[in-house]
N, C-alpha and C. Protein backbone atom coordinates (compact mmCIF):
# COMPACT_ATOMS: atom_id res chain seq x y z
N MET A 1 90.36 83.07 125.58
CA MET A 1 90.81 82.83 124.20
C MET A 1 91.35 84.13 123.62
N ALA A 2 92.58 84.08 123.10
CA ALA A 2 93.22 85.28 122.55
C ALA A 2 92.55 85.69 121.25
N VAL A 3 92.39 86.99 121.08
CA VAL A 3 91.78 87.53 119.87
C VAL A 3 92.86 88.23 119.07
N THR A 4 92.97 87.86 117.78
CA THR A 4 93.94 88.50 116.90
C THR A 4 93.23 89.61 116.13
N LEU A 5 93.73 90.81 116.23
CA LEU A 5 93.15 91.93 115.49
C LEU A 5 93.71 91.95 114.07
N LEU A 6 92.83 92.16 113.11
CA LEU A 6 93.23 92.18 111.71
C LEU A 6 92.87 93.52 111.09
N LEU A 7 93.74 94.01 110.24
CA LEU A 7 93.49 95.24 109.50
C LEU A 7 93.35 94.88 108.02
N ARG A 8 92.19 95.27 107.44
CA ARG A 8 91.95 94.98 106.02
C ARG A 8 92.73 95.98 105.17
N VAL A 9 93.50 95.46 104.23
CA VAL A 9 94.31 96.29 103.34
C VAL A 9 93.95 95.95 101.88
N THR A 10 93.63 96.97 101.13
CA THR A 10 93.32 96.78 99.71
C THR A 10 94.57 97.08 98.88
N VAL A 11 94.98 96.12 98.08
CA VAL A 11 96.13 96.27 97.19
C VAL A 11 95.60 96.52 95.77
N THR A 12 95.93 97.64 95.17
CA THR A 12 95.52 97.97 93.80
C THR A 12 96.72 97.82 92.88
N TYR A 13 96.58 96.93 91.89
CA TYR A 13 97.69 96.67 90.97
C TYR A 13 97.70 97.71 89.84
N ASN A 14 98.74 97.59 88.99
CA ASN A 14 98.89 98.56 87.89
C ASN A 14 97.78 98.45 86.84
N ASP A 15 97.12 97.28 86.81
CA ASP A 15 96.02 97.13 85.83
C ASP A 15 94.67 97.41 86.48
N ASP A 16 94.74 98.00 87.70
CA ASP A 16 93.54 98.40 88.45
C ASP A 16 92.74 97.25 89.05
N THR A 17 93.27 96.03 88.96
CA THR A 17 92.64 94.96 89.71
C THR A 17 93.10 95.06 91.17
N THR A 18 92.33 94.45 92.06
CA THR A 18 92.64 94.61 93.49
C THR A 18 92.62 93.29 94.22
N ASP A 19 93.34 93.28 95.32
CA ASP A 19 93.29 92.20 96.31
C ASP A 19 93.02 92.83 97.67
N VAL A 20 92.26 92.13 98.49
CA VAL A 20 92.06 92.56 99.88
C VAL A 20 92.71 91.52 100.78
N VAL A 21 93.63 91.99 101.62
CA VAL A 21 94.33 91.08 102.55
C VAL A 21 94.08 91.55 103.97
N LYS A 22 94.21 90.62 104.88
CA LYS A 22 94.03 90.93 106.30
C LYS A 22 95.39 90.85 107.00
N VAL A 23 95.80 91.98 107.59
CA VAL A 23 97.11 92.06 108.25
C VAL A 23 96.91 92.02 109.77
N PRO A 24 97.51 91.02 110.46
CA PRO A 24 97.42 91.00 111.92
C PRO A 24 98.16 92.22 112.51
N VAL A 25 97.59 92.84 113.51
CA VAL A 25 98.23 94.01 114.12
C VAL A 25 98.39 93.81 115.62
N GLU A 26 99.50 94.31 116.13
CA GLU A 26 99.77 94.32 117.56
C GLU A 26 100.23 95.71 117.95
N GLN A 27 99.87 96.15 119.14
CA GLN A 27 100.31 97.48 119.60
C GLN A 27 101.73 97.38 120.16
N THR A 28 102.53 98.36 119.84
CA THR A 28 103.90 98.40 120.36
C THR A 28 103.88 98.70 121.85
N ASP A 29 105.00 98.37 122.51
CA ASP A 29 105.13 98.75 123.92
C ASP A 29 105.09 100.27 124.06
N LYS A 30 105.69 100.98 123.13
CA LYS A 30 105.65 102.44 123.16
C LYS A 30 104.21 102.95 123.16
N GLY A 31 103.36 102.28 122.37
CA GLY A 31 101.97 102.69 122.31
C GLY A 31 101.18 102.31 123.55
N LYS A 32 101.57 101.19 124.18
CA LYS A 32 100.82 100.70 125.34
C LYS A 32 101.11 101.48 126.62
N TYR A 33 102.37 101.89 126.76
CA TYR A 33 102.80 102.37 128.06
C TYR A 33 103.17 103.86 128.03
N GLU A 34 103.01 104.50 129.19
CA GLU A 34 103.34 105.92 129.31
C GLU A 34 104.24 106.10 130.54
N PRO A 35 105.54 106.33 130.33
CA PRO A 35 106.41 106.54 131.50
C PRO A 35 106.02 107.82 132.24
N THR A 36 106.22 107.82 133.54
CA THR A 36 106.06 109.03 134.34
C THR A 36 107.41 109.44 134.90
N VAL A 37 107.56 110.73 135.19
CA VAL A 37 108.85 111.23 135.68
C VAL A 37 108.62 112.09 136.92
N SER A 38 109.66 112.19 137.74
CA SER A 38 109.67 113.12 138.87
C SER A 38 111.01 113.83 138.86
N THR A 39 111.12 114.86 139.67
CA THR A 39 112.32 115.71 139.65
C THR A 39 113.53 114.98 140.22
N ALA A 40 114.66 115.09 139.51
CA ALA A 40 115.92 114.51 139.98
C ALA A 40 116.79 115.61 140.58
N LYS A 41 117.35 115.35 141.74
CA LYS A 41 118.27 116.30 142.36
C LYS A 41 119.69 115.85 142.05
N ILE A 42 120.43 116.68 141.34
CA ILE A 42 121.77 116.31 140.90
C ILE A 42 122.80 117.27 141.48
N ASP A 43 124.04 116.80 141.61
CA ASP A 43 125.10 117.63 142.17
C ASP A 43 125.67 118.61 141.15
N GLY A 44 125.65 118.22 139.88
CA GLY A 44 126.22 119.08 138.84
C GLY A 44 125.34 120.27 138.52
N SER A 45 125.88 121.17 137.72
CA SER A 45 125.16 122.38 137.32
C SER A 45 123.92 122.02 136.50
N VAL A 46 122.86 122.83 136.65
CA VAL A 46 121.65 122.64 135.85
C VAL A 46 121.52 123.74 134.81
N ALA A 47 122.62 124.44 134.55
CA ALA A 47 122.62 125.43 133.47
C ALA A 47 122.55 124.72 132.13
N GLU A 48 121.98 125.39 131.13
CA GLU A 48 121.83 124.79 129.81
C GLU A 48 123.18 124.31 129.27
N ASN A 49 123.18 123.12 128.70
CA ASN A 49 124.35 122.48 128.10
C ASN A 49 125.38 121.96 129.11
N SER A 50 125.05 122.01 130.40
CA SER A 50 125.96 121.45 131.40
C SER A 50 126.05 119.93 131.21
N THR A 51 127.24 119.40 131.41
CA THR A 51 127.47 117.96 131.24
C THR A 51 127.20 117.22 132.54
N LEU A 52 126.54 116.08 132.43
CA LEU A 52 126.22 115.27 133.62
C LEU A 52 127.31 114.25 133.91
N SER A 53 127.59 114.06 135.19
CA SER A 53 128.48 112.97 135.60
C SER A 53 127.71 111.66 135.51
N ASN A 54 128.42 110.56 135.57
CA ASN A 54 127.75 109.25 135.56
C ASN A 54 126.83 109.09 136.76
N GLU A 55 127.25 109.65 137.91
CA GLU A 55 126.42 109.56 139.11
C GLU A 55 125.11 110.33 138.91
N ASP A 56 125.20 111.51 138.28
CA ASP A 56 123.99 112.30 138.07
C ASP A 56 123.09 111.66 137.00
N LYS A 57 123.69 111.02 136.00
CA LYS A 57 122.87 110.30 135.01
C LYS A 57 122.05 109.21 135.69
N ALA A 58 122.67 108.52 136.63
CA ALA A 58 121.96 107.45 137.34
C ALA A 58 120.81 108.02 138.16
N LYS A 59 121.03 109.19 138.77
CA LYS A 59 119.95 109.83 139.54
C LYS A 59 118.79 110.22 138.63
N VAL A 60 119.11 110.65 137.41
CA VAL A 60 118.07 111.06 136.47
C VAL A 60 117.25 109.85 136.01
N THR A 61 117.92 108.79 135.56
CA THR A 61 117.17 107.62 135.07
C THR A 61 116.35 106.98 136.18
N ASP A 62 116.79 107.15 137.42
CA ASP A 62 116.06 106.58 138.55
C ASP A 62 114.70 107.26 138.75
N LYS A 63 114.52 108.43 138.13
CA LYS A 63 113.27 109.17 138.28
C LYS A 63 112.28 108.90 137.15
N VAL A 64 112.59 107.91 136.29
CA VAL A 64 111.65 107.49 135.24
C VAL A 64 110.96 106.21 135.71
N THR A 65 109.63 106.23 135.75
CA THR A 65 108.86 105.10 136.27
C THR A 65 107.91 104.57 135.21
N LEU A 66 107.91 103.25 135.05
CA LEU A 66 106.96 102.58 134.14
C LEU A 66 105.82 101.99 134.95
N PRO A 67 104.69 101.69 134.30
CA PRO A 67 103.58 101.09 135.03
C PRO A 67 104.00 99.79 135.72
N THR A 68 103.30 99.45 136.78
CA THR A 68 103.61 98.25 137.57
C THR A 68 103.67 97.01 136.68
N GLY A 69 104.77 96.26 136.83
CA GLY A 69 104.93 95.02 136.09
C GLY A 69 105.57 95.18 134.73
N VAL A 70 105.75 96.43 134.28
CA VAL A 70 106.35 96.68 132.97
C VAL A 70 107.84 96.91 133.14
N THR A 71 108.62 96.28 132.27
CA THR A 71 110.07 96.46 132.30
C THR A 71 110.54 97.06 130.98
N ALA A 72 111.76 97.56 131.00
CA ALA A 72 112.38 98.10 129.79
C ALA A 72 113.75 97.48 129.61
N LYS A 73 114.20 97.46 128.36
CA LYS A 73 115.55 96.94 128.10
C LYS A 73 116.60 97.83 128.73
N LYS A 74 116.41 99.14 128.55
CA LYS A 74 117.41 100.07 129.08
C LYS A 74 116.84 101.48 129.15
N TYR A 75 117.51 102.30 129.98
CA TYR A 75 117.21 103.73 130.10
C TYR A 75 118.51 104.47 129.79
N ASN A 76 118.50 105.33 128.79
CA ASN A 76 119.69 106.08 128.43
C ASN A 76 119.47 107.56 128.69
N SER A 77 120.27 108.11 129.61
CA SER A 77 120.18 109.54 129.90
C SER A 77 121.02 110.33 128.90
N SER A 78 120.52 111.48 128.51
CA SER A 78 121.32 112.40 127.71
C SER A 78 122.53 112.83 128.52
N ALA A 79 123.56 113.29 127.84
CA ALA A 79 124.79 113.69 128.53
C ALA A 79 124.73 115.13 129.03
N THR A 80 123.73 115.89 128.58
CA THR A 80 123.70 117.32 128.92
C THR A 80 122.30 117.76 129.37
N VAL A 81 122.29 118.90 130.04
CA VAL A 81 121.04 119.53 130.47
C VAL A 81 120.51 120.41 129.33
N THR A 82 119.20 120.36 129.09
CA THR A 82 118.56 121.26 128.14
C THR A 82 117.48 122.04 128.88
N LEU A 83 116.88 123.00 128.19
CA LEU A 83 115.79 123.79 128.78
C LEU A 83 114.48 123.45 128.09
N ASP A 84 113.44 123.33 128.90
CA ASP A 84 112.10 123.08 128.38
C ASP A 84 111.19 124.14 129.00
N GLY A 85 110.79 125.13 128.20
CA GLY A 85 110.01 126.24 128.75
C GLY A 85 110.79 127.03 129.77
N GLY A 86 112.11 127.07 129.59
CA GLY A 86 112.98 127.81 130.51
C GLY A 86 113.42 127.01 131.71
N ASN A 87 112.88 125.80 131.88
CA ASN A 87 113.23 124.97 133.03
C ASN A 87 114.23 123.88 132.64
N PRO A 88 115.21 123.60 133.51
CA PRO A 88 116.22 122.59 133.17
C PRO A 88 115.66 121.17 133.20
N VAL A 89 115.95 120.41 132.16
CA VAL A 89 115.52 119.01 132.06
C VAL A 89 116.64 118.19 131.46
N VAL A 90 116.54 116.88 131.64
CA VAL A 90 117.45 115.94 130.97
C VAL A 90 116.58 114.92 130.25
N GLU A 91 116.85 114.74 128.95
CA GLU A 91 116.08 113.78 128.17
C GLU A 91 116.58 112.35 128.45
N VAL A 92 115.61 111.44 128.60
CA VAL A 92 115.93 110.03 128.83
C VAL A 92 115.20 109.20 127.78
N THR A 93 115.95 108.32 127.12
CA THR A 93 115.37 107.41 126.14
C THR A 93 115.09 106.07 126.80
N VAL A 94 113.81 105.67 126.78
CA VAL A 94 113.39 104.38 127.34
C VAL A 94 113.25 103.40 126.17
N THR A 95 114.03 102.34 126.17
CA THR A 95 113.95 101.30 125.14
C THR A 95 113.20 100.10 125.69
N TYR A 96 112.04 99.80 125.09
CA TYR A 96 111.21 98.70 125.57
C TYR A 96 111.72 97.36 125.04
N ASN A 97 111.11 96.30 125.51
CA ASN A 97 111.55 94.96 125.12
C ASN A 97 111.28 94.64 123.66
N ASP A 98 110.37 95.41 123.01
CA ASP A 98 110.13 95.19 121.58
C ASP A 98 110.95 96.16 120.72
N ASP A 99 111.90 96.85 121.38
CA ASP A 99 112.83 97.79 120.74
C ASP A 99 112.19 99.11 120.29
N THR A 100 110.94 99.35 120.63
CA THR A 100 110.39 100.69 120.42
C THR A 100 110.89 101.58 121.57
N THR A 101 110.85 102.88 121.36
CA THR A 101 111.42 103.80 122.34
C THR A 101 110.48 104.96 122.65
N ASP A 102 110.61 105.47 123.86
CA ASP A 102 109.98 106.71 124.29
C ASP A 102 111.09 107.65 124.76
N VAL A 103 110.92 108.94 124.51
CA VAL A 103 111.84 109.94 125.05
C VAL A 103 111.05 110.81 126.01
N VAL A 104 111.51 110.86 127.27
CA VAL A 104 110.84 111.67 128.29
C VAL A 104 111.82 112.71 128.82
N LYS A 105 111.26 113.76 129.40
CA LYS A 105 112.07 114.85 129.94
C LYS A 105 111.97 114.86 131.46
N VAL A 106 113.11 114.68 132.11
CA VAL A 106 113.15 114.63 133.58
C VAL A 106 113.58 115.99 134.11
N PRO A 107 112.74 116.67 134.90
CA PRO A 107 113.17 117.94 135.50
C PRO A 107 114.34 117.71 136.45
N VAL A 108 115.28 118.66 136.48
CA VAL A 108 116.43 118.52 137.37
C VAL A 108 116.61 119.78 138.23
N GLU A 109 117.03 119.56 139.46
CA GLU A 109 117.38 120.64 140.38
C GLU A 109 118.76 120.33 140.95
N GLN A 110 119.53 121.38 141.22
CA GLN A 110 120.86 121.16 141.79
C GLN A 110 120.75 121.06 143.31
N THR A 111 121.48 120.12 143.88
CA THR A 111 121.51 119.94 145.32
C THR A 111 122.26 121.08 145.98
N ASP A 112 122.02 121.24 147.29
CA ASP A 112 122.81 122.22 148.05
C ASP A 112 124.29 121.86 148.00
N LYS A 113 124.59 120.57 148.05
CA LYS A 113 125.99 120.13 147.95
C LYS A 113 126.62 120.62 146.66
N GLY A 114 125.84 120.58 145.58
CA GLY A 114 126.36 121.04 144.30
C GLY A 114 126.49 122.55 144.21
N LYS A 115 125.58 123.26 144.88
CA LYS A 115 125.55 124.72 144.78
C LYS A 115 126.67 125.39 145.59
N TYR A 116 126.96 124.81 146.75
CA TYR A 116 127.79 125.53 147.72
C TYR A 116 129.13 124.82 147.95
N GLU A 117 130.14 125.62 148.29
CA GLU A 117 131.48 125.09 148.54
C GLU A 117 131.98 125.64 149.88
N PRO A 118 131.99 124.82 150.93
CA PRO A 118 132.50 125.32 152.22
C PRO A 118 133.99 125.65 152.11
N THR A 119 134.42 126.64 152.89
CA THR A 119 135.85 126.94 153.00
C THR A 119 136.30 126.62 154.42
N VAL A 120 137.59 126.33 154.56
CA VAL A 120 138.12 125.97 155.88
C VAL A 120 139.39 126.77 156.16
N SER A 121 139.67 126.93 157.44
CA SER A 121 140.93 127.52 157.87
C SER A 121 141.47 126.65 159.00
N THR A 122 142.71 126.90 159.38
CA THR A 122 143.37 126.03 160.36
C THR A 122 142.78 126.23 161.76
N ALA A 123 142.54 125.12 162.44
CA ALA A 123 142.05 125.16 163.82
C ALA A 123 143.21 124.86 164.76
N LYS A 124 143.32 125.67 165.80
CA LYS A 124 144.34 125.41 166.82
C LYS A 124 143.66 124.71 167.98
N ILE A 125 144.12 123.49 168.25
CA ILE A 125 143.49 122.68 169.29
C ILE A 125 144.50 122.33 170.37
N ASP A 126 143.97 122.06 171.57
CA ASP A 126 144.85 121.75 172.69
C ASP A 126 145.33 120.30 172.66
N GLY A 127 144.51 119.41 172.12
CA GLY A 127 144.87 118.00 172.09
C GLY A 127 145.95 117.68 171.08
N SER A 128 146.41 116.44 171.12
CA SER A 128 147.46 115.99 170.20
C SER A 128 146.96 116.01 168.76
N VAL A 129 147.87 116.31 167.82
CA VAL A 129 147.53 116.26 166.40
C VAL A 129 148.20 115.07 165.73
N ALA A 130 148.64 114.11 166.54
CA ALA A 130 149.19 112.87 165.98
C ALA A 130 148.04 112.07 165.36
N GLU A 131 148.37 111.26 164.35
CA GLU A 131 147.36 110.46 163.67
C GLU A 131 146.58 109.59 164.66
N ASN A 132 145.26 109.56 164.49
CA ASN A 132 144.33 108.77 165.31
C ASN A 132 144.12 109.32 166.71
N SER A 133 144.66 110.52 167.00
CA SER A 133 144.39 111.12 168.31
C SER A 133 142.91 111.48 168.41
N THR A 134 142.37 111.31 169.60
CA THR A 134 140.95 111.60 169.84
C THR A 134 140.77 113.05 170.26
N LEU A 135 139.73 113.67 169.71
CA LEU A 135 139.46 115.08 170.02
C LEU A 135 138.52 115.20 171.22
N SER A 136 138.81 116.19 172.06
CA SER A 136 137.87 116.53 173.13
C SER A 136 136.69 117.28 172.53
N ASN A 137 135.62 117.42 173.29
CA ASN A 137 134.47 118.19 172.81
C ASN A 137 134.85 119.64 172.55
N GLU A 138 135.74 120.17 173.39
CA GLU A 138 136.19 121.56 173.20
C GLU A 138 136.95 121.71 171.88
N ASP A 139 137.80 120.73 171.57
CA ASP A 139 138.56 120.80 170.32
C ASP A 139 137.66 120.58 169.10
N LYS A 140 136.64 119.73 169.25
CA LYS A 140 135.69 119.54 168.15
C LYS A 140 135.00 120.86 167.81
N ALA A 141 134.64 121.61 168.85
CA ALA A 141 133.98 122.90 168.63
C ALA A 141 134.91 123.87 167.92
N LYS A 142 136.19 123.83 168.26
CA LYS A 142 137.16 124.71 167.60
C LYS A 142 137.29 124.35 166.12
N VAL A 143 137.23 123.05 165.82
CA VAL A 143 137.35 122.58 164.44
C VAL A 143 136.14 123.02 163.61
N THR A 144 134.93 122.76 164.13
CA THR A 144 133.74 123.13 163.37
C THR A 144 133.65 124.64 163.16
N ASP A 145 134.20 125.39 164.09
CA ASP A 145 134.18 126.85 163.97
C ASP A 145 135.00 127.34 162.78
N LYS A 146 135.88 126.48 162.24
CA LYS A 146 136.74 126.87 161.12
C LYS A 146 136.16 126.45 159.76
N VAL A 147 134.91 125.98 159.77
CA VAL A 147 134.21 125.66 158.51
C VAL A 147 133.24 126.81 158.22
N THR A 148 133.40 127.43 157.06
CA THR A 148 132.58 128.59 156.72
C THR A 148 131.78 128.32 155.45
N LEU A 149 130.48 128.63 155.52
CA LEU A 149 129.61 128.52 154.34
C LEU A 149 129.44 129.89 153.71
N PRO A 150 129.03 129.92 152.42
CA PRO A 150 128.80 131.22 151.77
C PRO A 150 127.78 132.05 152.54
N THR A 151 127.87 133.36 152.41
CA THR A 151 126.97 134.27 153.12
C THR A 151 125.51 133.91 152.86
N GLY A 152 124.75 133.81 153.93
CA GLY A 152 123.32 133.52 153.82
C GLY A 152 122.97 132.05 153.76
N VAL A 153 123.96 131.19 153.65
CA VAL A 153 123.71 129.74 153.57
C VAL A 153 123.81 129.13 154.96
N THR A 154 122.85 128.29 155.28
CA THR A 154 122.88 127.58 156.56
C THR A 154 122.95 126.08 156.32
N ALA A 155 123.30 125.36 157.37
CA ALA A 155 123.37 123.90 157.29
C ALA A 155 122.58 123.31 158.45
N LYS A 156 122.08 122.09 158.25
CA LYS A 156 121.39 121.39 159.33
C LYS A 156 122.36 121.08 160.46
N SER A 157 123.53 120.60 160.09
CA SER A 157 124.53 120.24 161.10
C SER A 157 125.92 120.27 160.50
N ILE A 158 126.89 120.53 161.38
CA ILE A 158 128.31 120.49 161.01
C ILE A 158 128.98 119.59 162.05
N THR A 159 129.36 118.39 161.62
CA THR A 159 129.79 117.36 162.56
C THR A 159 131.23 116.94 162.30
N PRO A 160 132.12 117.15 163.26
CA PRO A 160 133.51 116.74 163.07
C PRO A 160 133.71 115.26 163.38
N SER A 161 134.75 114.70 162.77
CA SER A 161 135.17 113.35 163.13
C SER A 161 135.71 113.36 164.54
N ALA A 162 135.79 112.19 165.15
CA ALA A 162 136.26 112.09 166.54
C ALA A 162 137.78 112.02 166.62
N THR A 163 138.45 111.83 165.46
CA THR A 163 139.90 111.62 165.50
C THR A 163 140.62 112.44 164.43
N VAL A 164 141.91 112.59 164.64
CA VAL A 164 142.79 113.26 163.68
C VAL A 164 143.24 112.25 162.63
N THR A 165 143.26 112.67 161.35
CA THR A 165 143.82 111.85 160.29
C THR A 165 144.92 112.64 159.60
N LEU A 166 145.61 111.99 158.68
CA LEU A 166 146.67 112.68 157.93
C LEU A 166 146.24 112.83 156.48
N ASP A 167 146.54 113.99 155.92
CA ASP A 167 146.26 114.26 154.51
C ASP A 167 147.55 114.80 153.90
N GLY A 168 148.21 113.95 153.11
CA GLY A 168 149.51 114.34 152.58
C GLY A 168 150.54 114.54 153.67
N GLY A 169 150.38 113.80 154.76
CA GLY A 169 151.31 113.90 155.88
C GLY A 169 150.94 114.98 156.88
N ASN A 170 149.94 115.78 156.59
CA ASN A 170 149.54 116.88 157.47
C ASN A 170 148.29 116.50 158.27
N PRO A 171 148.26 116.89 159.55
CA PRO A 171 147.10 116.51 160.38
C PRO A 171 145.85 117.31 160.00
N VAL A 172 144.74 116.59 159.86
CA VAL A 172 143.45 117.22 159.55
C VAL A 172 142.36 116.51 160.33
N VAL A 173 141.22 117.18 160.43
CA VAL A 173 140.02 116.55 160.98
C VAL A 173 138.92 116.67 159.93
N GLU A 174 138.31 115.56 159.58
CA GLU A 174 137.22 115.59 158.61
C GLU A 174 135.94 116.08 159.27
N VAL A 175 135.24 116.95 158.55
CA VAL A 175 133.98 117.51 159.06
C VAL A 175 132.90 117.28 158.02
N THR A 176 131.76 116.74 158.46
CA THR A 176 130.62 116.51 157.57
C THR A 176 129.63 117.65 157.70
N VAL A 177 129.38 118.33 156.58
CA VAL A 177 128.39 119.40 156.54
C VAL A 177 127.10 118.82 155.94
N THR A 178 126.02 118.82 156.71
CA THR A 178 124.72 118.34 156.21
C THR A 178 123.84 119.55 155.90
N TYR A 179 123.48 119.68 154.62
CA TYR A 179 122.68 120.83 154.20
C TYR A 179 121.20 120.59 154.49
N ASN A 180 120.40 121.62 154.23
CA ASN A 180 118.97 121.54 154.53
C ASN A 180 118.22 120.56 153.63
N ASP A 181 118.82 120.20 152.48
CA ASP A 181 118.18 119.19 151.61
C ASP A 181 118.74 117.79 151.86
N ASP A 182 119.50 117.65 152.96
CA ASP A 182 120.08 116.38 153.42
C ASP A 182 121.24 115.87 152.57
N THR A 183 121.70 116.65 151.60
CA THR A 183 122.96 116.29 150.93
C THR A 183 124.12 116.72 151.83
N THR A 184 125.27 116.11 151.62
CA THR A 184 126.40 116.35 152.52
C THR A 184 127.69 116.64 151.76
N ASP A 185 128.53 117.44 152.40
CA ASP A 185 129.91 117.66 151.96
C ASP A 185 130.83 117.23 153.08
N VAL A 186 131.96 116.64 152.74
CA VAL A 186 132.98 116.32 153.74
C VAL A 186 134.21 117.17 153.43
N VAL A 187 134.62 117.99 154.41
CA VAL A 187 135.79 118.85 154.23
C VAL A 187 136.85 118.48 155.25
N LYS A 188 138.08 118.84 154.95
CA LYS A 188 139.20 118.52 155.84
C LYS A 188 139.75 119.82 156.44
N VAL A 189 139.67 119.92 157.75
CA VAL A 189 140.15 121.10 158.46
C VAL A 189 141.57 120.84 158.99
N PRO A 190 142.55 121.63 158.54
CA PRO A 190 143.91 121.47 159.09
C PRO A 190 143.92 121.81 160.59
N VAL A 191 144.71 121.07 161.34
CA VAL A 191 144.79 121.34 162.79
C VAL A 191 146.24 121.50 163.22
N GLU A 192 146.44 122.41 164.17
CA GLU A 192 147.74 122.62 164.80
C GLU A 192 147.53 122.59 166.30
N GLN A 193 148.54 122.07 167.00
CA GLN A 193 148.42 122.03 168.45
C GLN A 193 148.86 123.35 169.05
N THR A 194 148.12 123.85 170.02
CA THR A 194 148.49 125.09 170.69
C THR A 194 149.72 124.86 171.56
N ASP A 195 150.38 125.96 171.88
CA ASP A 195 151.50 125.86 172.82
C ASP A 195 151.03 125.33 174.16
N LYS A 196 149.81 125.72 174.54
CA LYS A 196 149.24 125.21 175.79
C LYS A 196 149.16 123.69 175.76
N GLY A 197 148.82 123.14 174.59
CA GLY A 197 148.72 121.69 174.47
C GLY A 197 150.07 121.01 174.41
N LYS A 198 151.04 121.70 173.77
CA LYS A 198 152.37 121.11 173.60
C LYS A 198 153.18 121.10 174.90
N CYS A 199 153.03 122.17 175.67
CA CYS A 199 153.94 122.39 176.80
C CYS A 199 153.22 122.17 178.14
N GLU A 200 153.92 121.62 179.07
CA GLU A 200 153.38 121.40 180.41
C GLU A 200 154.35 122.00 181.43
N PRO A 201 153.99 123.16 182.02
CA PRO A 201 154.89 123.78 183.00
C PRO A 201 155.08 122.86 184.22
N THR A 202 156.25 122.92 184.80
CA THR A 202 156.49 122.19 186.06
C THR A 202 156.73 123.23 187.16
N VAL A 203 156.43 122.85 188.36
CA VAL A 203 156.57 123.80 189.48
C VAL A 203 157.37 123.14 190.61
N SER A 204 157.98 123.97 191.41
CA SER A 204 158.61 123.52 192.67
C SER A 204 158.25 124.53 193.74
N THR A 205 158.48 124.18 194.98
CA THR A 205 158.06 125.04 196.09
C THR A 205 158.92 126.30 196.15
N ALA A 206 158.24 127.43 196.29
CA ALA A 206 158.93 128.72 196.43
C ALA A 206 159.00 129.09 197.91
N LYS A 207 160.17 129.44 198.35
CA LYS A 207 160.33 129.87 199.74
C LYS A 207 160.27 131.38 199.78
N ILE A 208 159.33 131.93 200.54
CA ILE A 208 159.14 133.38 200.58
C ILE A 208 159.31 133.88 202.01
N ASP A 209 159.70 135.14 202.14
CA ASP A 209 159.90 135.72 203.48
C ASP A 209 158.58 136.10 204.13
N GLY A 210 157.65 136.49 203.37
CA GLY A 210 156.37 136.94 203.93
C GLY A 210 155.53 135.79 204.43
N SER A 211 154.45 136.15 205.11
CA SER A 211 153.52 135.16 205.65
C SER A 211 152.80 134.43 204.51
N VAL A 212 152.52 133.17 204.73
CA VAL A 212 151.76 132.40 203.75
C VAL A 212 150.36 132.09 204.28
N ALA A 213 149.99 132.75 205.36
CA ALA A 213 148.68 132.50 205.94
C ALA A 213 147.61 133.26 205.16
N GLU A 214 146.54 132.55 204.76
CA GLU A 214 145.31 133.10 204.21
C GLU A 214 145.49 133.94 202.94
N LYS A 215 146.63 133.89 202.33
CA LYS A 215 146.84 134.63 201.09
C LYS A 215 147.58 133.75 200.10
N GLN A 216 147.33 134.02 198.84
CA GLN A 216 148.05 133.29 197.81
C GLN A 216 148.99 134.26 197.10
N TYR A 217 150.16 133.74 196.80
CA TYR A 217 151.15 134.54 196.08
C TYR A 217 151.43 133.85 194.76
N THR A 218 151.50 134.64 193.74
CA THR A 218 151.83 134.07 192.44
C THR A 218 153.15 134.60 191.98
N LYS A 219 153.85 133.81 191.25
CA LYS A 219 155.17 134.20 190.76
C LYS A 219 155.02 135.18 189.61
């Protein structure tokens, strides 16, 4: 059987007479529930007043958790990073089904993908640089060798695509850089074919005066 809680309220009129009324009370969702938060890893800057992308806002709101079985009307992330005790946070407004709201602070950290920017230079490969050409393992190694990370930064893996693609009409090979936090960057390494790959010498028999026994002669 449901119990209705009542709050006694005394009303005092201007002539000092009084009425006592009983007001039914219910606790708001804001009062009932306490959201919890965990750290969100975002690609954008975590410097104070930095603006969040829509993708980073989604990552932030995803780190706000309500008790099991509790839902909210919506989660609204702030558009910018603020500092709380010197640490970067993003404020999120939780609107409950009764329209009461909680504001929580989600700690944010920048991903390695956001922090670092790989640079590339042209790779000279022996294989064809025509679109959809397949790379040999040797050429893949030459391509990955042309991806450079900032000094002191390491990656879990640097993995080239198996084929050549075109970027603005120019041949490139896409390379996926996987950082230590498992975020990834995809960069495009320009490729050129070596003369060795372009040209194929032909030979014919050379007639020589000297003996051809047990020795090799080169032109």
